[in-house]
C-alpha atoms as a PDB file:
ATOM      1  CA  MET A   1      -3.090   3.148 -42.691  1.00  0.00           C
ATOM      2  CA  GLY A   2      -4.100   1.095 -39.645  1.00  0.00           C
ATOM      3  CA  LEU A   3      -6.177  -2.063 -39.959  1.00  0.00           C
ATOM      4  CA  SER A   4      -9.476  -2.611 -38.190  1.00  0.00           C
ATOM      5  CA  ARG A   5     -10.050  -5.667 -36.023  1.00  0.00           C
ATOM      6  CA  GLN A   6     -12.017  -7.314 -38.827  1.00  0.00           C
ATOM      7  CA  GLU A   7      -9.283  -6.594 -41.343  1.00  0.00           C
ATOM      8  CA  HIS A   8      -6.689  -8.136 -39.019  1.00  0.00           C
ATOM      9  CA  GLU A   9      -8.858 -11.209 -38.639  1.00  0.00           C
ATOM     10  CA  ASP A  10      -9.382 -11.442 -42.402  1.00  0.00           C
ATOM     11  CA  LEU A  11      -5.669 -11.091 -43.041  1.00  0.00           C
ATOM     12  CA  TYR A  12      -4.917 -13.856 -40.540  1.00  0.00           C
ATOM     13  CA  TYR A  13      -7.549 -16.088 -42.142  1.00  0.00           C
ATOM     14  CA  TRP A  14      -5.993 -15.781 -45.609  1.00  0.00           C
ATOM     15  CA  LEU A  15      -2.516 -16.451 -44.236  1.00  0.00           C
ATOM     16  CA  LEU A  16      -3.778 -19.512 -42.373  1.00  0.00           C
ATOM     17  CA  LEU A  17      -5.749 -20.829 -45.351  1.00  0.00           C
ATOM     18  CA  THR A  18      -2.703 -20.517 -47.610  1.00  0.00           C
ATOM     19  CA  ARG A  19      -0.467 -22.392 -45.149  1.00  0.00           C
ATOM     20  CA  ARG A  20      -2.938 -25.197 -44.411  1.00  0.00           C
ATOM     21  CA  ALA A  21      -3.928 -25.676 -48.064  1.00  0.00           C
ATOM     22  CA  GLU A  22      -0.277 -26.100 -49.042  1.00  0.00           C
ATOM     23  CA  GLU A  23       0.350 -28.439 -46.105  1.00  0.00           C
ATOM     24  CA  HIS A  24      -2.540 -30.608 -47.268  1.00  0.00           C
ATOM     25  CA  MET A  25      -1.221 -30.782 -50.826  1.00  0.00           C
ATOM     26  CA  ARG A  26       2.284 -31.543 -49.602  1.00  0.00           C
ATOM     27  CA  CYS A  27       1.039 -34.425 -47.445  1.00  0.00           C
ATOM     28  CA  VAL A  28      -0.876 -35.973 -50.352  1.00  0.00           C
ATOM     29  CA  TYR A  29       2.004 -35.434 -52.777  1.00  0.00           C
ATOM     30  CA  ARG A  30       4.493 -37.154 -50.472  1.00  0.00           C
ATOM     31  CA  ASP A  31       2.138 -40.088 -50.030  1.00  0.00           C
ATOM     32  CA  GLN A  32       1.960 -40.342 -53.820  1.00  0.00           C
ATOM     33  CA  LYS A  33       5.739 -40.025 -54.084  1.00  0.00           C
ATOM     34  CA  ALA A  34       6.176 -42.841 -51.552  1.00  0.00           C
ATOM     35  CA  GLY A  35       3.736 -45.070 -53.432  1.00  0.00           C
ATOM     36  CA  LYS A  36       1.186 -45.094 -50.609  1.00  0.00           C
ATOM     37  CA  ILE A  37      -1.668 -43.867 -52.835  1.00  0.00           C
ATOM     38  CA  GLU A  38      -2.587 -43.924 -56.489  1.00  0.00           C
ATOM     39  CA  PRO A  39      -1.203 -40.889 -58.398  1.00  0.00           C
ATOM     40  CA  VAL A  40      -3.508 -37.871 -58.283  1.00  0.00           C
ATOM     41  CA  PHE A  41      -1.163 -35.002 -59.143  1.00  0.00           C
ATOM     42  CA  SER A  42      -0.694 -34.350 -62.851  1.00  0.00           C
ATOM     43  CA  GLY A  43       2.482 -32.313 -62.368  1.00  0.00           C
ATOM     44  CA  ASN A  44       4.907 -31.130 -59.733  1.00  0.00           C
ATOM     45  CA  LEU A  45       4.054 -29.258 -56.551  1.00  0.00           C
ATOM     46  CA  TYR A  46       5.539 -25.836 -55.729  1.00  0.00           C
ATOM     47  CA  LEU A  47       5.034 -24.432 -52.245  1.00  0.00           C
ATOM     48  CA  SER A  48       5.649 -21.174 -50.392  1.00  0.00           C
ATOM     49  CA  THR A  49       6.391 -22.406 -46.870  1.00  0.00           C
ATOM     50  CA  TYR A  50       7.535 -19.507 -44.618  1.00  0.00           C
ATOM     51  CA  GLN A  51       7.065 -17.099 -47.570  1.00  0.00           C
ATOM     52  CA  GLU A  52       3.273 -16.780 -47.511  1.00  0.00           C
ATOM     53  CA  ALA A  53       3.281 -13.319 -45.911  1.00  0.00           C
ATOM     54  CA  VAL A  54       4.699 -11.732 -49.070  1.00  0.00           C
ATOM     55  CA  SER A  55       1.909 -12.978 -51.311  1.00  0.00           C
ATOM     56  CA  VAL A  56      -0.942 -12.557 -48.825  1.00  0.00           C
ATOM     57  CA  GLY A  57       0.179  -9.240 -47.333  1.00  0.00           C
ATOM     58  CA  ALA A  58       0.824  -7.606 -50.701  1.00  0.00           C
ATOM     59  CA  ALA A  59      -2.458  -8.753 -52.237  1.00  0.00           C
ATOM     60  CA  PHE A  60      -4.383  -7.549 -49.178  1.00  0.00           C
ATOM     61  CA  ALA A  61      -3.253  -3.999 -49.984  1.00  0.00           C
ATOM     62  CA  CYS A  62      -4.963  -4.099 -53.408  1.00  0.00           C
ATOM     63  CA  ARG A  63      -8.433  -3.101 -54.433  1.00  0.00           C
ATOM     64  CA  ASP A  64     -10.612  -5.377 -56.567  1.00  0.00           C
ATOM     65  CA  SER A  65      -9.870  -3.602 -59.841  1.00  0.00           C
ATOM     66  CA  ASP A  66      -6.087  -3.811 -59.436  1.00  0.00           C
ATOM     67  CA  TRP A  67      -4.223  -6.526 -61.322  1.00  0.00           C
ATOM     68  CA  ILE A  68      -1.759  -9.168 -60.200  1.00  0.00           C
ATOM     69  CA  SER A  69       0.936 -11.102 -62.041  1.00  0.00           C
ATOM     70  CA  HIS A  70       1.741 -14.113 -59.885  1.00  0.00           C
ATOM     71  CA  THR A  71       4.370 -16.844 -59.698  1.00  0.00           C
ATOM     72  CA  HIS A  72       4.151 -20.563 -58.976  1.00  0.00           C
ATOM     73  CA  ARG A  73       4.371 -19.748 -55.227  1.00  0.00           C
ATOM     74  CA  ASP A  74       1.628 -17.132 -54.976  1.00  0.00           C
ATOM     75  CA  LEU A  75      -1.377 -19.164 -53.898  1.00  0.00           C
ATOM     76  CA  GLY A  76      -2.029 -16.529 -51.229  1.00  0.00           C
ATOM     77  CA  ALA A  77      -2.316 -13.695 -53.751  1.00  0.00           C
ATOM     78  CA  LEU A  78      -4.755 -15.707 -55.868  1.00  0.00           C
ATOM     79  CA  LEU A  79      -6.977 -16.418 -52.879  1.00  0.00           C
ATOM     80  CA  VAL A  80      -6.855 -12.873 -51.476  1.00  0.00           C
ATOM     81  CA  LYS A  81      -6.852 -10.630 -54.516  1.00  0.00           C
ATOM     82  CA  GLY A  82      -8.469 -12.734 -57.205  1.00  0.00           C
ATOM     83  CA  ARG A  83     -10.818 -14.473 -54.760  1.00  0.00           C
ATOM     84  CA  TRP A  84     -10.083 -17.698 -56.609  1.00  0.00           C
ATOM     85  CA  ASP A  85     -12.149 -20.555 -55.264  1.00  0.00           C
ATOM     86  CA  LEU A  86      -9.949 -23.141 -53.543  1.00  0.00           C
ATOM     87  CA  ASN A  87     -11.829 -25.882 -55.357  1.00  0.00           C
ATOM     88  CA  ASP A  88     -10.742 -24.381 -58.701  1.00  0.00           C
ATOM     89  CA  VAL A  89      -7.143 -24.148 -57.509  1.00  0.00           C
ATOM     90  CA  PHE A  90      -7.111 -27.765 -56.337  1.00  0.00           C
ATOM     91  CA  ALA A  91      -8.779 -28.885 -59.583  1.00  0.00           C
ATOM     92  CA  ASN A  92      -6.057 -27.136 -61.568  1.00  0.00           C
ATOM     93  CA  VAL A  93      -3.276 -28.632 -59.476  1.00  0.00           C
ATOM     94  CA  LEU A  94      -4.800 -32.066 -60.126  1.00  0.00           C
ATOM     95  CA  GLY A  95      -5.139 -31.361 -63.859  1.00  0.00           C
ATOM     96  CA  ARG A  96      -8.894 -31.867 -64.012  1.00  0.00           C
ATOM     97  CA  ALA A  97     -10.955 -31.106 -67.109  1.00  0.00           C
ATOM     98  CA  GLU A  98     -13.275 -28.757 -65.225  1.00  0.00           C
ATOM     99  CA  SER A  99     -10.463 -26.551 -63.950  1.00  0.00           C
ATOM    100  CA  PRO A 100      -9.359 -23.056 -65.015  1.00  0.00           C
ATOM    101  CA  ALA A 101      -6.738 -24.550 -67.360  1.00  0.00           C
ATOM    102  CA  GLN A 102      -9.158 -27.341 -68.398  1.00  0.00           C
ATOM    103  CA  GLY A 103      -6.491 -29.953 -67.749  1.00  0.00           C
ATOM    104  CA  HIS A 104      -4.060 -28.436 -70.255  1.00  0.00           C
ATOM    105  CA  ASP A 105      -1.770 -27.273 -67.466  1.00  0.00           C
ATOM    106  CA  SER A 106      -1.367 -27.752 -63.732  1.00  0.00           C
ATOM    107  CA  GLY A 107      -0.180 -25.891 -60.655  1.00  0.00           C
ATOM    108  CA  LEU A 108      -0.948 -22.179 -60.468  1.00  0.00           C
ATOM    109  CA  ASN A 109      -0.723 -21.635 -64.221  1.00  0.00           C
ATOM    110  CA  ILE A 110      -4.088 -19.896 -64.285  1.00  0.00           C
ATOM    111  CA  GLY A 111      -5.436 -16.454 -65.079  1.00  0.00           C
ATOM    112  CA  SER A 112      -8.674 -14.578 -65.578  1.00  0.00           C
ATOM    113  CA  LYS A 113      -9.578 -11.178 -66.992  1.00  0.00           C
ATOM    114  CA  GLU A 114     -12.632 -11.066 -64.713  1.00  0.00           C
ATOM    115  CA  LYS A 115     -10.412 -11.652 -61.681  1.00  0.00           C
ATOM    116  CA  ALA A 116      -7.754  -9.216 -62.950  1.00  0.00           C
ATOM    117  CA  THR A 117      -5.183 -12.003 -62.828  1.00  0.00           C
ATOM    118  CA  LEU A 118      -2.594 -12.522 -65.554  1.00  0.00           C
ATOM    119  CA  THR A 119      -1.977 -16.117 -66.598  1.00  0.00           C
ATOM    120  CA  LYS A 120       1.424 -17.114 -65.278  1.00  0.00           C
ATOM    121  CA  HIS A 121       4.150 -17.627 -67.872  1.00  0.00           C
ATOM    122  CA  ILE A 122       6.341 -20.692 -67.337  1.00  0.00           C
ATOM    123  CA  PHE A 123       9.475 -18.513 -67.571  1.00  0.00           C
ATOM    124  CA  MET A 124       9.513 -16.332 -64.463  1.00  0.00           C
ATOM    125  CA  CYS A 125      11.458 -13.500 -66.081  1.00  0.00           C
ATOM    126  CA  ILE A 126       8.731 -13.037 -68.719  1.00  0.00           C
ATOM    127  CA  ASN A 127       5.932 -12.324 -66.245  1.00  0.00           C
ATOM    128  CA  PRO A 128       7.111  -8.785 -65.342  1.00  0.00           C
ATOM    129  CA  VAL A 129       7.378  -7.984 -69.066  1.00  0.00           C
ATOM    130  CA  ILE A 130       3.725  -8.879 -69.624  1.00  0.00           C
ATOM    131  CA  ALA A 131       2.752  -7.091 -66.419  1.00  0.00           C
ATOM    132  CA  CYS A 132       4.484  -3.964 -67.683  1.00  0.00           C
ATOM    133  CA  GLY A 133       2.275  -4.071 -70.762  1.00  0.00           C
ATOM    134  CA  VAL A 134      -0.830  -4.273 -68.594  1.00  0.00           C
ATOM    135  CA  ALA A 135       0.497  -1.363 -66.534  1.00  0.00           C
ATOM    136  CA  GLY A 136       0.684   0.645 -69.743  1.00  0.00           C
ATOM    137  CA  VAL A 137      -2.975  -0.081 -70.447  1.00  0.00           C
ATOM    138  CA  CYS A 138      -3.885   0.900 -66.871  1.00  0.00           C
ATOM    139  CA  ALA A 139      -2.056   4.199 -67.365  1.00  0.00           C
ATOM    140  CA  GLU A 140      -3.918   4.908 -70.613  1.00  0.00           C
ATOM    141  CA  LYS A 141      -7.313   4.178 -69.081  1.00  0.00           C
ATOM    142  CA  LYS A 142      -6.591   6.557 -66.173  1.00  0.00           C
ATOM    143  CA  GLU A 143      -8.818   4.660 -63.735  1.00  0.00           C
ATOM    144  CA  GLY A 144      -6.204   4.613 -60.985  1.00  0.00           C
ATOM    145  CA  ASN A 145      -5.550   0.871 -61.194  1.00  0.00           C
ATOM    146  CA  VAL A 146      -2.136  -0.653 -60.568  1.00  0.00           C
ATOM    147  CA  ILE A 147      -0.595  -4.071 -61.081  1.00  0.00           C
ATOM    148  CA  LEU A 148       1.482  -6.071 -58.628  1.00  0.00           C
ATOM    149  CA  ALA A 149       4.184  -8.055 -60.429  1.00  0.00           C
ATOM    150  CA  PHE A 150       5.499 -10.890 -58.252  1.00  0.00           C
ATOM    151  CA  LEU A 151       8.816 -12.542 -59.105  1.00  0.00           C
ATOM    152  CA  GLY A 152      11.678 -14.376 -57.448  1.00  0.00           C
ATOM    153  CA  ASP A 153      15.305 -13.425 -56.947  1.00  0.00           C
ATOM    154  CA  GLY A 154      16.329 -15.741 -59.792  1.00  0.00           C
ATOM    155  CA  ALA A 155      14.279 -13.770 -62.328  1.00  0.00           C
ATOM    156  CA  THR A 156      16.207 -10.575 -61.503  1.00  0.00           C
ATOM    157  CA  SER A 157      19.347 -12.077 -63.067  1.00  0.00           C
ATOM    158  CA  GLN A 158      17.730 -12.127 -66.505  1.00  0.00           C
ATOM    159  CA  GLY A 159      17.940  -9.364 -69.089  1.00  0.00           C
ATOM    160  CA  TYR A 160      14.149  -9.161 -69.368  1.00  0.00           C
ATOM    161  CA  PHE A 161      13.993  -7.904 -65.786  1.00  0.00           C
ATOM    162  CA  HIS A 162      16.265  -4.947 -66.455  1.00  0.00           C
ATOM    163  CA  GLU A 163      14.561  -4.048 -69.729  1.00  0.00           C
ATOM    164  CA  THR A 164      11.240  -4.060 -67.881  1.00  0.00           C
ATOM    165  CA  LEU A 165      12.537  -1.807 -65.097  1.00  0.00           C
ATOM    166  CA  ASN A 166      13.879   0.588 -67.676  1.00  0.00           C
ATOM    167  CA  GLY A 167      10.566   0.724 -69.562  1.00  0.00           C
ATOM    168  CA  ALA A 168       8.536   1.108 -66.379  1.00  0.00           C
ATOM    169  CA  GLY A 169      10.802   3.912 -65.177  1.00  0.00           C
ATOM    170  CA  LEU A 170      10.671   5.776 -68.475  1.00  0.00           C
ATOM    171  CA  GLY A 171       6.893   5.578 -68.657  1.00  0.00           C
ATOM    172  CA  LYS A 172       6.311   6.095 -64.913  1.00  0.00           C
ATOM    173  CA  LEU A 173       3.965   3.128 -65.176  1.00  0.00           C
ATOM    174  CA  PRO A 174       1.592   2.069 -62.370  1.00  0.00           C
ATOM    175  CA  ILE A 175       3.390  -1.150 -61.482  1.00  0.00           C
ATOM    176  CA  ILE A 176       4.799  -2.491 -58.220  1.00  0.00           C
ATOM    177  CA  PHE A 177       7.561  -5.079 -58.635  1.00  0.00           C
ATOM    178  CA  ILE A 178       7.623  -7.451 -55.646  1.00  0.00           C
ATOM    179  CA  VAL A 179      10.717  -9.637 -55.517  1.00  0.00           C
ATOM    180  CA  ASN A 180      10.409 -12.557 -53.122  1.00  0.00           C
ATOM    181  CA  ASN A 181      14.069 -13.085 -52.299  1.00  0.00           C
ATOM    182  CA  ASN A 182      13.855 -16.562 -50.777  1.00  0.00           C
ATOM    183  CA  GLN A 183      17.619 -17.054 -51.081  1.00  0.00           C
ATOM    184  CA  TYR A 184      17.474 -19.701 -53.819  1.00  0.00           C
ATOM    185  CA  ALA A 185      16.873 -19.816 -57.574  1.00  0.00           C
ATOM    186  CA  ILE A 186      15.986 -23.502 -57.901  1.00  0.00           C
ATOM    187  CA  SER A 187      19.162 -24.813 -56.212  1.00  0.00           C
ATOM    188  CA  THR A 188      21.466 -21.813 -56.728  1.00  0.00           C
ATOM    189  CA  PRO A 189      21.943 -19.582 -53.661  1.00  0.00           C
ATOM    190  CA  VAL A 190      21.281 -15.878 -54.181  1.00  0.00           C
ATOM    191  CA  GLU A 191      24.922 -14.916 -53.665  1.00  0.00           C
ATOM    192  CA  GLY A 192      25.797 -17.180 -56.588  1.00  0.00           C
ATOM    193  CA  GLN A 193      23.472 -15.545 -59.115  1.00  0.00           C
ATOM    194  CA  VAL A 194      22.748 -11.929 -58.048  1.00  0.00           C
ATOM    195  CA  ALA A 195      25.582  -9.406 -58.227  1.00  0.00           C
ATOM    196  CA  GLY A 196      25.691  -6.141 -56.320  1.00  0.00           C
ATOM    197  CA  GLY A 197      24.031  -7.132 -53.049  1.00  0.00           C
ATOM    198  CA  PHE A 198      20.515  -5.927 -52.333  1.00  0.00           C
ATOM    199  CA  ILE A 199      18.106  -6.293 -55.244  1.00  0.00           C
ATOM    200  CA  TYR A 200      15.938  -3.306 -54.293  1.00  0.00           C
ATOM    201  CA  LYS A 201      18.858  -0.925 -54.847  1.00  0.00           C
ATOM    202  CA  LYS A 202      18.751  -1.666 -58.584  1.00  0.00           C
ATOM    203  CA  ALA A 203      15.630   0.514 -58.863  1.00  0.00           C
ATOM    204  CA  GLU A 204      17.525   3.774 -58.393  1.00  0.00           C
ATOM    205  CA  ASN A 205      19.345   3.184 -61.698  1.00  0.00           C
ATOM    206  CA  TYR A 206      15.968   3.284 -63.450  1.00  0.00           C
ATOM    207  CA  GLY A 207      14.612   6.392 -61.788  1.00  0.00           C
ATOM    208  CA  PHE A 208      12.226   5.069 -59.157  1.00  0.00           C
ATOM    209  CA  PRO A 209      12.426   3.989 -55.512  1.00  0.00           C
ATOM    210  CA  GLY A 210      13.363   0.590 -54.162  1.00  0.00           C
ATOM    211  CA  VAL A 211      12.367  -0.661 -50.718  1.00  0.00           C
ATOM    212  CA  TRP A 212      13.522  -3.593 -48.581  1.00  0.00           C
ATOM    213  CA  VAL A 213      11.029  -5.319 -46.298  1.00  0.00           C
ATOM    214  CA  ASP A 214      11.077  -8.236 -43.889  1.00  0.00           C
ATOM    215  CA  GLY A 215       9.067 -10.780 -45.868  1.00  0.00           C
ATOM    216  CA  LYS A 216       8.351 -12.802 -42.743  1.00  0.00           C
ATOM    217  CA  ASN A 217       6.372  -9.933 -41.202  1.00  0.00           C
ATOM    218  CA  ILE A 218       2.989  -9.724 -42.891  1.00  0.00           C
ATOM    219  CA  LEU A 219       2.104  -6.318 -41.452  1.00  0.00           C
ATOM    220  CA  GLU A 220       5.355  -4.791 -42.699  1.00  0.00           C
ATOM    221  CA  VAL A 221       4.687  -6.259 -46.132  1.00  0.00           C
ATOM    222  CA  TYR A 222       1.134  -4.916 -46.162  1.00  0.00           C
ATOM    223  CA  HIS A 223       2.130  -1.382 -45.134  1.00  0.00           C
ATOM    224  CA  VAL A 224       5.085  -1.146 -47.536  1.00  0.00           C
ATOM    225  CA  VAL A 225       2.963  -2.327 -50.461  1.00  0.00           C
ATOM    226  CA  HIS A 226       0.040  -0.115 -49.415  1.00  0.00           C
ATOM    227  CA  ASP A 227       2.306   2.937 -49.370  1.00  0.00           C
ATOM    228  CA  ALA A 228       3.797   2.021 -52.741  1.00  0.00           C
ATOM    229  CA  ILE A 229       0.344   1.601 -54.273  1.00  0.00           C
ATOM    230  CA  SER A 230      -0.775   4.971 -52.882  1.00  0.00           C
ATOM    231  CA  ARG A 231       2.290   6.623 -54.383  1.00  0.00           C
ATOM    232  CA  THR A 232       1.679   4.946 -57.735  1.00  0.00           C
ATOM    233  CA  ARG A 233      -2.013   5.914 -57.830  1.00  0.00           C
ATOM    234  CA  ALA A 234      -0.951   9.517 -57.275  1.00  0.00           C
ATOM    235  CA  GLY A 235       1.169   9.372 -60.431  1.00  0.00           C
ATOM    236  CA  GLY A 236       4.488   8.615 -58.762  1.00  0.00           C
ATOM    237  CA  GLY A 237       5.351   5.673 -61.004  1.00  0.00           C
ATOM    238  CA  PRO A 238       6.786   2.246 -60.144  1.00  0.00           C
ATOM    239  CA  THR A 239       8.337   0.851 -56.976  1.00  0.00           C
ATOM    240  CA  LEU A 240      10.658  -2.125 -56.601  1.00  0.00           C
ATOM    241  CA  ILE A 241      10.130  -4.009 -53.333  1.00  0.00           C
ATOM    242  CA  GLU A 242      12.543  -6.691 -52.148  1.00  0.00           C
ATOM    243  CA  ALA A 243      10.917  -8.952 -49.561  1.00  0.00           C
ATOM    244  CA  GLU A 244      13.543 -11.071 -47.847  1.00  0.00           C
ATOM    245  CA  THR A 245      12.383 -14.556 -46.876  1.00  0.00           C
ATOM    246  CA  PHE A 246      13.735 -18.089 -46.781  1.00  0.00           C
ATOM    247  CA  ARG A 247      12.339 -20.966 -48.824  1.00  0.00           C
ATOM    248  CA  LEU A 248      11.686 -23.611 -46.190  1.00  0.00           C
ATOM    249  CA  CYS A 249      10.872 -26.154 -48.881  1.00  0.00           C
ATOM    250  CA  GLY A 250      12.470 -27.443 -52.041  1.00  0.00           C
ATOM    251  CA  HIS A 251      12.226 -25.777 -55.401  1.00  0.00           C
ATOM    252  CA  ALA A 252       9.436 -28.315 -55.782  1.00  0.00           C
ATOM    253  CA  GLU A 253       8.458 -31.443 -53.890  1.00  0.00           C
ATOM    254  CA  HIS A 254      10.449 -33.664 -56.230  1.00  0.00           C
ATOM    255  CA  ASP A 255      13.791 -32.441 -54.877  1.00  0.00           C
ATOM    256  CA  VAL A 256      13.240 -32.938 -51.137  1.00  0.00           C
ATOM    257  CA  ASP A 257      13.783 -35.893 -48.844  1.00  0.00           C
ATOM    258  CA  ASN A 258      10.365 -37.427 -48.211  1.00  0.00           C
ATOM    259  CA  GLN A 259      11.069 -37.876 -44.508  1.00  0.00           C
ATOM    260  CA  THR A 260      12.885 -34.663 -43.555  1.00  0.00           C
ATOM    261  CA  GLY A 261      11.633 -32.325 -46.296  1.00  0.00           C
ATOM    262  CA  ILE A 262      15.185 -31.002 -46.734  1.00  0.00           C
ATOM    263  CA  PRO A 263      16.463 -30.445 -50.294  1.00  0.00           C
ATOM    264  CA  SER A 264      19.788 -32.045 -51.199  1.00  0.00           C
ATOM    265  CA  TYR A 265      21.437 -28.643 -51.686  1.00  0.00           C
ATOM    266  CA  MET A 266      20.687 -27.428 -48.138  1.00  0.00           C
ATOM    267  CA  THR A 267      22.505 -28.623 -45.035  1.00  0.00           C
ATOM    268  CA  GLN A 268      20.749 -29.921 -41.938  1.00  0.00           C
ATOM    269  CA  GLU A 269      22.290 -27.068 -39.949  1.00  0.00           C
ATOM    270  CA  GLN A 270      21.053 -24.419 -42.365  1.00  0.00           C
ATOM    271  CA  TRP A 271      17.576 -25.930 -42.393  1.00  0.00           C
ATOM    272  CA  GLU A 272      17.302 -26.096 -38.607  1.00  0.00           C
ATOM    273  CA  ALA A 273      18.606 -22.528 -38.231  1.00  0.00           C
ATOM    274  CA  GLU A 274      15.789 -21.220 -40.434  1.00  0.00           C
ATOM    275  CA  LYS A 275      13.038 -23.526 -39.176  1.00  0.00           C
ATOM    276  CA  THR A 276      12.193 -21.541 -36.059  1.00  0.00           C
ATOM    277  CA  VAL A 277       8.959 -19.949 -34.895  1.00  0.00           C
ATOM    278  CA  GLU A 278      10.649 -16.550 -35.045  1.00  0.00           C
ATOM    279  CA  ASN A 279      10.997 -17.008 -38.813  1.00  0.00           C
ATOM    280  CA  ASP A 280       7.449 -18.304 -39.261  1.00  0.00           C
ATOM    281  CA  PRO A 281       5.175 -15.494 -40.542  1.00  0.00           C
ATOM    282  CA  LEU A 282       2.037 -17.280 -39.348  1.00  0.00           C
ATOM    283  CA  TRP A 283       3.331 -17.699 -35.787  1.00  0.00           C
ATOM    284  CA  ARG A 284       4.657 -14.138 -35.695  1.00  0.00           C
ATOM    285  CA  TYR A 285       1.337 -12.636 -36.777  1.00  0.00           C
ATOM    286  CA  ARG A 286      -0.568 -14.851 -34.363  1.00  0.00           C
ATOM    287  CA  GLN A 287       1.611 -13.674 -31.476  1.00  0.00           C
ATOM    288  CA  HIS A 288       1.148 -10.045 -32.507  1.00  0.00           C
ATOM    289  CA  LEU A 289      -2.634 -10.401 -32.548  1.00  0.00           C
ATOM    290  CA  LEU A 290      -2.599 -12.087 -29.145  1.00  0.00           C
ATOM    291  CA  VAL A 291      -0.348  -9.495 -27.524  1.00  0.00           C
ATOM    292  CA  GLN A 292      -2.358  -6.627 -29.004  1.00  0.00           C
ATOM    293  CA  GLY A 293      -5.602  -8.193 -27.822  1.00  0.00           C
ATOM    294  CA  VAL A 294      -7.024  -8.247 -31.346  1.00  0.00           C
ATOM    295  CA  MET A 295      -7.801 -11.985 -31.268  1.00  0.00           C
ATOM    296  CA  LYS A 296      -8.087 -14.664 -28.601  1.00  0.00           C
ATOM    297  CA  GLU A 297      -7.219 -18.350 -28.497  1.00  0.00           C
ATOM    298  CA  GLU A 298     -10.816 -19.316 -29.226  1.00  0.00           C
ATOM    299  CA  ASP A 299     -10.742 -17.101 -32.345  1.00  0.00           C
ATOM    300  CA  PHE A 300      -7.699 -18.942 -33.678  1.00  0.00           C
ATOM    301  CA  ALA A 301      -9.311 -22.309 -32.922  1.00  0.00           C
ATOM    302  CA  ALA A 302     -12.460 -21.284 -34.803  1.00  0.00           C
ATOM    303  CA  HIS A 303     -10.407 -20.263 -37.826  1.00  0.00           C
ATOM    304  CA  GLU A 304      -8.557 -23.599 -37.775  1.00  0.00           C
ATOM    305  CA  GLU A 305     -11.872 -25.462 -37.848  1.00  0.00           C
ATOM    306  CA  ASP A 306     -13.231 -23.272 -40.622  1.00  0.00           C
ATOM    307  CA  VAL A 307     -10.091 -23.620 -42.736  1.00  0.00           C
ATOM    308  CA  ALA A 308      -9.933 -27.402 -42.226  1.00  0.00           C
ATOM    309  CA  ALA A 309     -13.548 -27.770 -43.370  1.00  0.00           C
ATOM    310  CA  THR A 310     -12.971 -25.512 -46.381  1.00  0.00           C
ATOM    311  CA  ILE A 311      -9.922 -27.496 -47.489  1.00  0.00           C
ATOM    312  CA  LYS A 312     -11.620 -30.864 -46.998  1.00  0.00           C
ATOM    313  CA  ASP A 313     -14.666 -29.818 -49.025  1.00  0.00           C
ATOM    314  CA  ALA A 314     -12.622 -28.227 -51.829  1.00  0.00           C
ATOM    315  CA  TRP A 315     -10.253 -31.206 -52.115  1.00  0.00           C
ATOM    316  CA  GLU A 316     -13.040 -33.778 -52.236  1.00  0.00           C
ATOM    317  CA  LYS A 317     -14.858 -31.802 -54.936  1.00  0.00           C
ATOM    318  CA  ALA A 318     -11.664 -31.477 -56.998  1.00  0.00           C
ATOM    319  CA  LEU A 319     -10.865 -35.187 -56.687  1.00  0.00           C
ATOM    320  CA  ALA A 320     -14.339 -36.067 -57.917  1.00  0.00           C
ATOM    321  CA  LEU A 321     -13.868 -34.130 -61.164  1.00  0.00           C
ATOM    322  CA  PRO A 322     -12.921 -36.130 -64.276  1.00  0.00           C
ATOM    323  CA  PRO A 323      -9.552 -35.829 -66.021  1.00  0.00           C
ATOM    324  CA  PRO A 324      -9.508 -34.386 -69.552  1.00  0.00           C
ATOM    325  CA  GLU A 325     -10.401 -36.746 -72.372  1.00  0.00           C
ATOM    326  CA  PRO A 326      -7.440 -37.697 -74.575  1.00  0.00           C
ATOM    327  CA  GLY A 327      -7.742 -36.807 -78.232  1.00  0.00           C
ATOM    328  CA  GLY A 328      -7.124 -34.211 -80.882  1.00  0.00           C
ATOM    329  CA  ASP A 329      -9.742 -31.818 -79.588  1.00  0.00           C
ATOM    330  CA  GLN A 330      -7.625 -31.384 -76.455  1.00  0.00           C
ATOM    331  CA  LEU A 331      -4.535 -30.252 -78.357  1.00  0.00           C
ATOM    332  CA  PHE A 332      -5.392 -26.553 -78.068  1.00  0.00           C
ATOM    333  CA  ALA A 333      -7.078 -24.657 -75.250  1.00  0.00           C
ATOM    334  CA  GLU A 334     -10.332 -22.897 -75.959  1.00  0.00           C
ATOM    335  CA  ASP A 335     -10.146 -19.213 -76.861  1.00  0.00           C
ATOM    336  CA  GLN A 336     -10.097 -17.364 -73.511  1.00  0.00           C
ATOM    337  CA  ARG A 337      -9.730 -13.848 -74.921  1.00  0.00           C
END
């Protein structure tokens, strides 16, 4: 299915907003880490640099009633699919009382039934299990809804992953597994923790198709996920998608050099080889839109201004919110069922 000019522009906007929002948080976090500002982050900071196309492109293929199960690197999916307000996301990252997690948790550990977003489990391998349960409910309701289950390459090494694939295959459940293979599970390279080569090929052992996609190409991601969703809505069952990317950031901001941004377990040569515009999904999509005449330089400039203003406003509002009050009444979260 081809995209209209407006859809292309919307897709670019979400990709840009995700990149710039994370850049802003990274800048503030590193200033805090260097002791230049008073601490504002309540926890660590996990980014998706050079991987944003997987989250944004996949979520763009959904409809409002579809569900998502996200990871700690899926800011893009939350903004696109769940239409989460950036102010709420920032407030949660900063651990504010008036945030989705009410200060009980930080980062992207948020969820909402109204936004069809599962609350992220701290153990990545558990998220697909929960998502599979939601897929079962979607199948019973017969409303044509599907769920996108995002996970990383590290989670595929766990037994839960294989049990989930088996259950999804047996039940022909409406679930799309999207593995962001960013080449590292924390600090362990993929060849050191995933046997058998390509992850997507594991799907055939469970009776449904697996697909590989260039995770740095947002249009490829969108079309592959769109096709998988269409197949699932028609009763075709699950699909396992392996999106190959590279994590041009640390596991989190605590394990990178504050000046270079390079984690201790990556070499300078490896980092420089990956840090090219050809590997940057934002640059690649921008060039495509320019060459195809879909957008002009002034359009990109307008989006930059809009995104900068949105981030500034959302960050200032989040900073102004109070932290949670200490005390026994904060021991348990309110009932969100």
